[in-house]
Amino acid sequence: MDSKQNIVAACSAFLVHKSEVLIATTFATAALLGAVVGSVLAASVLFVHAADSSNTVSIDNFIFTPKALTVKAGTSVTWTNHDDIPHGIASADNAFKRSAALDTDDSYSFTFTAPGTYQYFCYIHSFMLGTIVVEAATGSNATR
């Protein structure tokens, strides 16, 4: 092998090595950036979920989530329909006003002022049941 071939071989090896380093650096940067962005998004979702979840009921796949919710007197509870079909909220003993039929992403809210246990259901699909437990503002619990 002459010196010209040695130089070409050395340059090729250098370029291959430089390409490998560049690729490795790119993957490492992408992985780090992905981890950072993923962590920020996860934290924001958890923050929003934690901030909103204390007084909300989700309707999805013919299920109220949570099935039982405990709140303090004076709290407004909001039901949001995430199903593709309508649902309606009604009190089992007419303790609160019945909602209109809720289409996808529609919401209904009611403010519970008196401590007690409130059973509710979907008046369109009566097998869907839920409970709201309302505690006195001081933390004691009464039964309606």
N, C-alpha and C. Protein backbone atom coordinates (compact mmCIF):
# COMPACT_ATOMS: atom_id res chain seq x y z
N MET A 1 0.85 -1.17 0.00
CA MET A 1 0.00 0.00 0.00
C MET A 1 0.90 1.23 0.00
N ASP A 2 0.68 2.13 -0.91
CA ASP A 2 1.53 3.31 -0.98
C ASP A 2 0.98 4.41 -0.08
N SER A 3 1.68 5.47 0.01
CA SER A 3 1.29 6.55 0.94
C SER A 3 -0.02 7.20 0.54
N LYS A 4 -0.28 7.25 -0.77
CA LYS A 4 -1.54 7.84 -1.23
C LYS A 4 -2.71 6.97 -0.75
N GLN A 5 -2.57 5.66 -0.83
CA GLN A 5 -3.62 4.75 -0.37
C GLN A 5 -3.77 4.84 1.15
N ASN A 6 -2.63 5.01 1.85
CA ASN A 6 -2.69 5.16 3.31
C ASN A 6 -3.47 6.42 3.70
N ILE A 7 -3.24 7.49 2.97
CA ILE A 7 -3.93 8.75 3.26
C ILE A 7 -5.43 8.60 2.99
N VAL A 8 -5.80 7.97 1.86
CA VAL A 8 -7.20 7.77 1.53
C VAL A 8 -7.87 6.89 2.59
N ALA A 9 -7.19 5.82 3.00
CA ALA A 9 -7.74 4.92 4.01
C ALA A 9 -7.92 5.65 5.34
N ALA A 10 -6.93 6.46 5.71
CA ALA A 10 -7.01 7.21 6.96
C ALA A 10 -8.16 8.23 6.92
N CYS A 11 -8.31 8.90 5.80
CA CYS A 11 -9.39 9.88 5.65
C CYS A 11 -10.75 9.18 5.71
N SER A 12 -10.88 8.03 5.05
CA SER A 12 -12.13 7.27 5.08
C SER A 12 -12.47 6.84 6.49
N ALA A 13 -11.47 6.33 7.20
CA ALA A 13 -11.69 5.91 8.58
C ALA A 13 -12.12 7.08 9.44
N PHE A 14 -11.48 8.25 9.24
CA PHE A 14 -11.82 9.44 10.00
C PHE A 14 -13.27 9.85 9.71
N LEU A 15 -13.67 9.84 8.43
CA LEU A 15 -15.03 10.25 8.06
C LEU A 15 -16.08 9.28 8.62
N VAL A 16 -15.76 7.97 8.57
CA VAL A 16 -16.67 6.99 9.14
C VAL A 16 -16.82 7.22 10.64
N HIS A 17 -15.69 7.43 11.32
CA HIS A 17 -15.72 7.68 12.76
C HIS A 17 -16.50 8.96 13.07
N LYS A 18 -16.23 10.01 12.28
CA LYS A 18 -16.93 11.28 12.50
C LYS A 18 -18.44 11.10 12.29
N SER A 19 -18.84 10.34 11.28
CA SER A 19 -20.26 10.07 11.02
C SER A 19 -20.88 9.29 12.18
N GLU A 20 -20.15 8.29 12.69
CA GLU A 20 -20.66 7.51 13.81
C GLU A 20 -20.85 8.38 15.04
N VAL A 21 -19.88 9.25 15.30
CA VAL A 21 -19.97 10.16 16.45
C VAL A 21 -21.15 11.12 16.27
N LEU A 22 -21.32 11.64 15.04
CA LEU A 22 -22.43 12.55 14.76
C LEU A 22 -23.78 11.84 14.96
N ILE A 23 -23.89 10.62 14.46
CA ILE A 23 -25.13 9.86 14.61
C ILE A 23 -25.39 9.57 16.08
N ALA A 24 -24.38 9.13 16.80
CA ALA A 24 -24.54 8.83 18.22
C ALA A 24 -24.94 10.08 18.99
N THR A 25 -24.31 11.20 18.68
CA THR A 25 -24.64 12.47 19.34
C THR A 25 -26.08 12.87 19.03
N THR A 26 -26.49 12.70 17.78
CA THR A 26 -27.85 13.05 17.39
C THR A 26 -28.87 12.21 18.14
N PHE A 27 -28.62 10.89 18.21
CA PHE A 27 -29.54 10.02 18.94
C PHE A 27 -29.58 10.37 20.42
N ALA A 28 -28.43 10.65 21.00
CA ALA A 28 -28.38 11.00 22.42
C ALA A 28 -29.13 12.30 22.68
N THR A 29 -28.95 13.28 21.80
CA THR A 29 -29.64 14.56 21.95
C THR A 29 -31.15 14.37 21.80
N ALA A 30 -31.55 13.57 20.81
CA ALA A 30 -32.98 13.32 20.59
C ALA A 30 -33.58 12.60 21.79
N ALA A 31 -32.85 11.63 22.33
CA ALA A 31 -33.35 10.89 23.50
C ALA A 31 -33.50 11.82 24.70
N LEU A 32 -32.51 12.66 24.92
CA LEU A 32 -32.56 13.59 26.04
C LEU A 32 -33.69 14.59 25.86
N LEU A 33 -33.80 15.14 24.65
CA LEU A 33 -34.87 16.10 24.37
C LEU A 33 -36.23 15.43 24.52
N GLY A 34 -36.36 14.21 24.03
CA GLY A 34 -37.62 13.47 24.17
C GLY A 34 -37.97 13.23 25.62
N ALA A 35 -36.97 12.89 26.43
CA ALA A 35 -37.21 12.65 27.85
C ALA A 35 -37.65 13.93 28.54
N VAL A 36 -37.00 15.05 28.21
CA VAL A 36 -37.35 16.33 28.83
C VAL A 36 -38.76 16.74 28.43
N VAL A 37 -39.06 16.70 27.13
CA VAL A 37 -40.39 17.09 26.66
C VAL A 37 -41.44 16.16 27.25
N GLY A 38 -41.16 14.86 27.25
CA GLY A 38 -42.11 13.90 27.82
C GLY A 38 -42.37 14.18 29.29
N SER A 39 -41.33 14.49 30.04
CA SER A 39 -41.49 14.78 31.47
C SER A 39 -42.32 16.04 31.69
N VAL A 40 -42.05 17.07 30.89
CA VAL A 40 -42.81 18.32 31.01
C VAL A 40 -44.28 18.08 30.68
N LEU A 41 -44.54 17.34 29.60
CA LEU A 41 -45.93 17.06 29.24
C LEU A 41 -46.62 16.22 30.31
N ALA A 42 -45.94 15.21 30.81
CA ALA A 42 -46.53 14.38 31.86
C ALA A 42 -46.83 15.19 33.10
N ALA A 43 -45.91 16.06 33.48
CA ALA A 43 -46.12 16.89 34.66
C ALA A 43 -47.31 17.82 34.46
N SER A 44 -47.43 18.40 33.26
CA SER A 44 -48.55 19.31 33.03
C SER A 44 -49.87 18.57 33.02
N VAL A 45 -49.89 17.36 32.47
CA VAL A 45 -51.12 16.57 32.49
C VAL A 45 -51.49 16.21 33.93
N LEU A 46 -50.51 15.78 34.72
CA LEU A 46 -50.78 15.45 36.12
C LEU A 46 -51.25 16.66 36.89
N PHE A 47 -50.65 17.83 36.62
CA PHE A 47 -51.04 19.05 37.31
C PHE A 47 -52.48 19.41 36.95
N VAL A 48 -52.82 19.39 35.67
CA VAL A 48 -54.18 19.72 35.25
C VAL A 48 -55.15 18.70 35.81
N HIS A 49 -54.79 17.42 35.73
CA HIS A 49 -55.67 16.37 36.25
C HIS A 49 -55.87 16.54 37.76
N ALA A 50 -54.78 16.83 38.47
CA ALA A 50 -54.89 16.99 39.92
C ALA A 50 -55.71 18.22 40.26
N ALA A 51 -55.57 19.28 39.49
CA ALA A 51 -56.29 20.51 39.78
C ALA A 51 -57.78 20.36 39.50
N ASP A 52 -58.14 19.60 38.47
CA ASP A 52 -59.53 19.50 38.06
C ASP A 52 -60.26 18.29 38.62
N SER A 53 -59.55 17.29 39.07
CA SER A 53 -60.19 16.02 39.36
C SER A 53 -60.97 16.00 40.67
N SER A 54 -60.80 16.97 41.54
CA SER A 54 -61.44 16.91 42.85
C SER A 54 -62.95 17.10 42.79
N ASN A 55 -63.47 17.64 41.71
CA ASN A 55 -64.91 17.87 41.66
C ASN A 55 -65.50 17.56 40.28
N THR A 56 -64.89 16.62 39.57
CA THR A 56 -65.40 16.27 38.25
C THR A 56 -65.69 14.78 38.15
N VAL A 57 -66.68 14.48 37.33
CA VAL A 57 -67.02 13.10 37.01
C VAL A 57 -66.99 12.98 35.50
N SER A 58 -66.23 12.01 35.02
CA SER A 58 -66.11 11.75 33.59
C SER A 58 -67.09 10.65 33.20
N ILE A 59 -67.73 10.83 32.07
CA ILE A 59 -68.61 9.79 31.52
C ILE A 59 -67.92 9.26 30.29
N ASP A 60 -67.51 7.99 30.36
CA ASP A 60 -66.78 7.39 29.24
C ASP A 60 -67.04 5.89 29.23
N ASN A 61 -67.37 5.38 28.06
CA ASN A 61 -67.63 3.95 27.90
C ASN A 61 -68.75 3.47 28.83
N PHE A 62 -69.79 4.31 28.97
CA PHE A 62 -70.97 4.00 29.79
C PHE A 62 -70.62 3.82 31.28
N ILE A 63 -69.60 4.54 31.74
CA ILE A 63 -69.18 4.45 33.14
C ILE A 63 -68.95 5.86 33.69
N PHE A 64 -69.41 6.10 34.92
CA PHE A 64 -69.07 7.32 35.64
C PHE A 64 -67.74 7.09 36.35
N THR A 65 -66.79 8.01 36.17
CA THR A 65 -65.49 7.90 36.85
C THR A 65 -65.17 9.22 37.52
N PRO A 66 -65.03 9.22 38.84
CA PRO A 66 -65.14 8.09 39.74
C PRO A 66 -66.61 7.73 39.98
N LYS A 67 -66.84 6.49 40.38
CA LYS A 67 -68.21 6.05 40.69
C LYS A 67 -68.73 6.74 41.95
N ALA A 68 -67.83 6.99 42.90
CA ALA A 68 -68.18 7.71 44.13
C ALA A 68 -67.21 8.87 44.28
N LEU A 69 -67.76 10.03 44.57
CA LEU A 69 -66.96 11.25 44.72
C LEU A 69 -67.34 11.91 46.03
N THR A 70 -66.35 12.30 46.83
CA THR A 70 -66.59 12.99 48.09
C THR A 70 -66.13 14.43 47.96
N VAL A 71 -67.02 15.37 48.30
CA VAL A 71 -66.73 16.80 48.21
C VAL A 71 -67.24 17.49 49.48
N LYS A 72 -66.82 18.70 49.67
CA LYS A 72 -67.31 19.54 50.78
C LYS A 72 -68.57 20.28 50.35
N ALA A 73 -69.44 20.59 51.30
CA ALA A 73 -70.64 21.37 51.01
C ALA A 73 -70.24 22.68 50.35
N GLY A 74 -71.00 23.09 49.34
CA GLY A 74 -70.70 24.30 48.59
C GLY A 74 -69.90 24.04 47.33
N THR A 75 -69.54 22.79 47.08
CA THR A 75 -68.75 22.44 45.92
C THR A 75 -69.64 22.16 44.71
N SER A 76 -69.24 22.68 43.56
CA SER A 76 -69.92 22.36 42.31
C SER A 76 -69.25 21.12 41.72
N VAL A 77 -70.07 20.14 41.39
CA VAL A 77 -69.58 18.93 40.73
C VAL A 77 -69.96 19.06 39.25
N THR A 78 -69.02 18.72 38.38
CA THR A 78 -69.25 18.79 36.94
C THR A 78 -69.10 17.41 36.33
N TRP A 79 -70.13 16.99 35.60
CA TRP A 79 -70.10 15.75 34.83
C TRP A 79 -69.81 16.13 33.38
N THR A 80 -68.88 15.44 32.74
CA THR A 80 -68.57 15.69 31.32
C THR A 80 -68.69 14.38 30.55
N ASN A 81 -69.47 14.43 29.46
CA ASN A 81 -69.69 13.26 28.63
C ASN A 81 -68.59 13.13 27.59
N HIS A 82 -67.83 12.04 27.65
CA HIS A 82 -66.78 11.77 26.67
C HIS A 82 -67.18 10.64 25.72
N ASP A 83 -68.41 10.14 25.86
CA ASP A 83 -68.90 9.11 24.95
C ASP A 83 -69.41 9.75 23.66
N ASP A 84 -69.60 8.91 22.65
CA ASP A 84 -70.12 9.39 21.37
C ASP A 84 -71.64 9.43 21.33
N ILE A 85 -72.28 9.06 22.42
CA ILE A 85 -73.74 9.09 22.48
C ILE A 85 -74.17 9.90 23.70
N PRO A 86 -75.40 10.39 23.70
CA PRO A 86 -75.87 11.23 24.81
C PRO A 86 -76.03 10.46 26.12
N HIS A 87 -75.87 11.19 27.21
CA HIS A 87 -76.13 10.71 28.57
C HIS A 87 -76.83 11.84 29.32
N GLY A 88 -77.55 11.49 30.37
CA GLY A 88 -78.22 12.49 31.19
C GLY A 88 -78.05 12.17 32.66
N ILE A 89 -77.92 13.19 33.48
CA ILE A 89 -77.69 13.02 34.92
C ILE A 89 -78.99 13.31 35.66
N ALA A 90 -79.38 12.39 36.55
CA ALA A 90 -80.58 12.58 37.36
C ALA A 90 -80.33 12.03 38.75
N SER A 91 -80.90 12.69 39.74
CA SER A 91 -80.81 12.24 41.12
C SER A 91 -81.79 11.10 41.33
N ALA A 92 -81.37 10.10 42.09
CA ALA A 92 -82.24 8.95 42.36
C ALA A 92 -83.48 9.36 43.15
N ASP A 93 -83.39 10.42 43.96
CA ASP A 93 -84.53 10.86 44.77
C ASP A 93 -84.92 12.31 44.49
N ASN A 94 -84.59 12.78 43.31
CA ASN A 94 -84.90 14.16 42.88
C ASN A 94 -84.29 15.21 43.80
N ALA A 95 -83.15 14.90 44.39
CA ALA A 95 -82.49 15.85 45.30
C ALA A 95 -81.83 17.01 44.57
N PHE A 96 -81.59 16.84 43.28
CA PHE A 96 -81.06 17.95 42.48
C PHE A 96 -81.66 17.90 41.08
N LYS A 97 -81.57 19.04 40.41
CA LYS A 97 -82.17 19.20 39.09
C LYS A 97 -81.52 18.26 38.07
N ARG A 98 -82.35 17.65 37.27
CA ARG A 98 -81.91 16.75 36.19
C ARG A 98 -81.26 17.56 35.07
N SER A 99 -80.22 17.00 34.46
CA SER A 99 -79.53 17.69 33.36
C SER A 99 -80.31 17.51 32.07
N ALA A 100 -79.98 18.35 31.11
CA ALA A 100 -80.43 18.08 29.73
C ALA A 100 -79.57 16.92 29.22
N ALA A 101 -79.96 16.33 28.12
CA ALA A 101 -79.14 15.27 27.53
C ALA A 101 -77.79 15.88 27.13
N LEU A 102 -76.70 15.21 27.53
CA LEU A 102 -75.36 15.72 27.26
C LEU A 102 -74.78 15.01 26.04
N ASP A 103 -74.52 15.77 24.99
CA ASP A 103 -73.83 15.22 23.82
C ASP A 103 -72.34 15.11 24.13
N THR A 104 -71.58 14.60 23.18
CA THR A 104 -70.14 14.43 23.37
C THR A 104 -69.49 15.75 23.77
N ASP A 105 -68.72 15.71 24.85
CA ASP A 105 -67.98 16.84 25.43
C ASP A 105 -68.86 17.90 26.08
N ASP A 106 -70.17 17.65 26.19
CA ASP A 106 -71.03 18.56 26.94
C ASP A 106 -70.86 18.28 28.43
N SER A 107 -71.14 19.30 29.25
CA SER A 107 -71.00 19.18 30.71
C SER A 107 -72.26 19.66 31.41
N TYR A 108 -72.43 19.16 32.62
CA TYR A 108 -73.50 19.59 33.51
C TYR A 108 -72.89 19.76 34.89
N SER A 109 -73.25 20.86 35.56
CA SER A 109 -72.73 21.13 36.91
C SER A 109 -73.88 21.35 37.87
N PHE A 110 -73.65 20.93 39.10
CA PHE A 110 -74.60 21.17 40.18
C PHE A 110 -73.80 21.46 41.44
N THR A 111 -74.24 22.47 42.21
CA THR A 111 -73.58 22.82 43.46
C THR A 111 -74.32 22.15 44.62
N PHE A 112 -73.58 21.33 45.34
CA PHE A 112 -74.15 20.61 46.49
C PHE A 112 -73.93 21.44 47.75
N THR A 113 -75.04 21.88 48.35
CA THR A 113 -74.94 22.76 49.52
C THR A 113 -75.19 22.04 50.84
N ALA A 114 -75.92 20.93 50.79
CA ALA A 114 -76.26 20.22 52.03
C ALA A 114 -75.47 18.91 52.13
N PRO A 115 -74.89 18.66 53.32
CA PRO A 115 -74.18 17.38 53.50
C PRO A 115 -75.13 16.20 53.31
N GLY A 116 -74.59 15.10 52.83
CA GLY A 116 -75.39 13.89 52.64
C GLY A 116 -74.81 13.03 51.53
N THR A 117 -75.50 11.95 51.27
CA THR A 117 -75.10 11.03 50.20
C THR A 117 -76.15 11.13 49.11
N TYR A 118 -75.71 11.44 47.92
CA TYR A 118 -76.59 11.64 46.78
C TYR A 118 -76.32 10.54 45.74
N GLN A 119 -77.33 9.72 45.50
CA GLN A 119 -77.24 8.70 44.46
C GLN A 119 -77.74 9.33 43.15
N TYR A 120 -77.05 9.03 42.06
CA TYR A 120 -77.49 9.55 40.77
C TYR A 120 -77.34 8.46 39.72
N PHE A 121 -77.92 8.70 38.54
CA PHE A 121 -77.86 7.73 37.45
C PHE A 121 -78.00 8.45 36.12
N CYS A 122 -77.72 7.74 35.04
CA CYS A 122 -77.98 8.26 33.70
C CYS A 122 -79.43 7.92 33.38
N TYR A 123 -80.25 8.94 33.13
CA TYR A 123 -81.66 8.66 32.87
C TYR A 123 -81.90 8.08 31.48
N ILE A 124 -80.87 8.06 30.64
CA ILE A 124 -80.99 7.42 29.33
C ILE A 124 -80.55 5.95 29.42
N HIS A 125 -79.58 5.70 30.28
CA HIS A 125 -79.04 4.34 30.48
C HIS A 125 -79.07 4.06 31.98
N SER A 126 -80.16 3.58 32.50
CA SER A 126 -80.39 3.50 33.94
C SER A 126 -79.43 2.56 34.68
N PHE A 127 -78.67 1.75 33.97
CA PHE A 127 -77.69 0.88 34.63
C PHE A 127 -76.44 1.66 35.05
N MET A 128 -76.29 2.88 34.56
CA MET A 128 -75.14 3.71 34.93
C MET A 128 -75.45 4.43 36.24
N LEU A 129 -74.71 4.08 37.30
CA LEU A 129 -74.98 4.61 38.64
C LEU A 129 -73.75 5.29 39.22
N GLY A 130 -73.98 6.27 40.10
CA GLY A 130 -72.89 6.93 40.80
C GLY A 130 -73.36 7.52 42.11
N THR A 131 -72.39 7.98 42.90
CA THR A 131 -72.69 8.54 44.22
C THR A 131 -71.84 9.78 44.46
N ILE A 132 -72.47 10.81 45.01
CA ILE A 132 -71.76 11.99 45.49
C ILE A 132 -71.97 12.04 46.99
N VAL A 133 -70.87 12.05 47.75
CA VAL A 133 -70.94 12.20 49.21
C VAL A 133 -70.51 13.62 49.51
N VAL A 134 -71.38 14.36 50.17
CA VAL A 134 -71.12 15.75 50.51
C VAL A 134 -70.89 15.86 52.01
N GLU A 135 -69.71 16.31 52.36
CA GLU A 135 -69.35 16.51 53.76
C GLU A 135 -69.57 17.95 54.15
N ALA A 136 -69.85 18.18 55.43
CA ALA A 136 -69.94 19.54 55.94
C ALA A 136 -68.59 20.22 55.74
N ALA A 137 -68.60 21.52 55.66
CA ALA A 137 -67.36 22.25 55.44
C ALA A 137 -66.33 21.98 56.53
N THR A 138 -66.76 21.59 57.72
CA THR A 138 -65.84 21.29 58.82
C THR A 138 -65.26 19.90 58.73
N GLY A 139 -65.81 19.06 57.83
CA GLY A 139 -65.26 17.71 57.65
C GLY A 139 -66.15 16.62 58.18
N SER A 140 -67.17 16.93 58.97
CA SER A 140 -68.06 15.86 59.45
C SER A 140 -68.95 15.41 58.31
N ASN A 141 -69.52 14.24 58.45
CA ASN A 141 -70.33 13.67 57.38
C ASN A 141 -71.72 13.35 57.90
N ALA A 142 -72.71 13.80 57.19
CA ALA A 142 -74.09 13.50 57.56
C ALA A 142 -74.69 12.61 56.48
N THR A 143 -75.77 11.93 56.82
CA THR A 143 -76.41 11.07 55.85
C THR A 143 -77.76 11.67 55.48
N ARG A 144 -78.04 11.76 54.20
CA ARG A 144 -79.32 12.25 53.72
C ARG A 144 -80.30 11.13 53.68
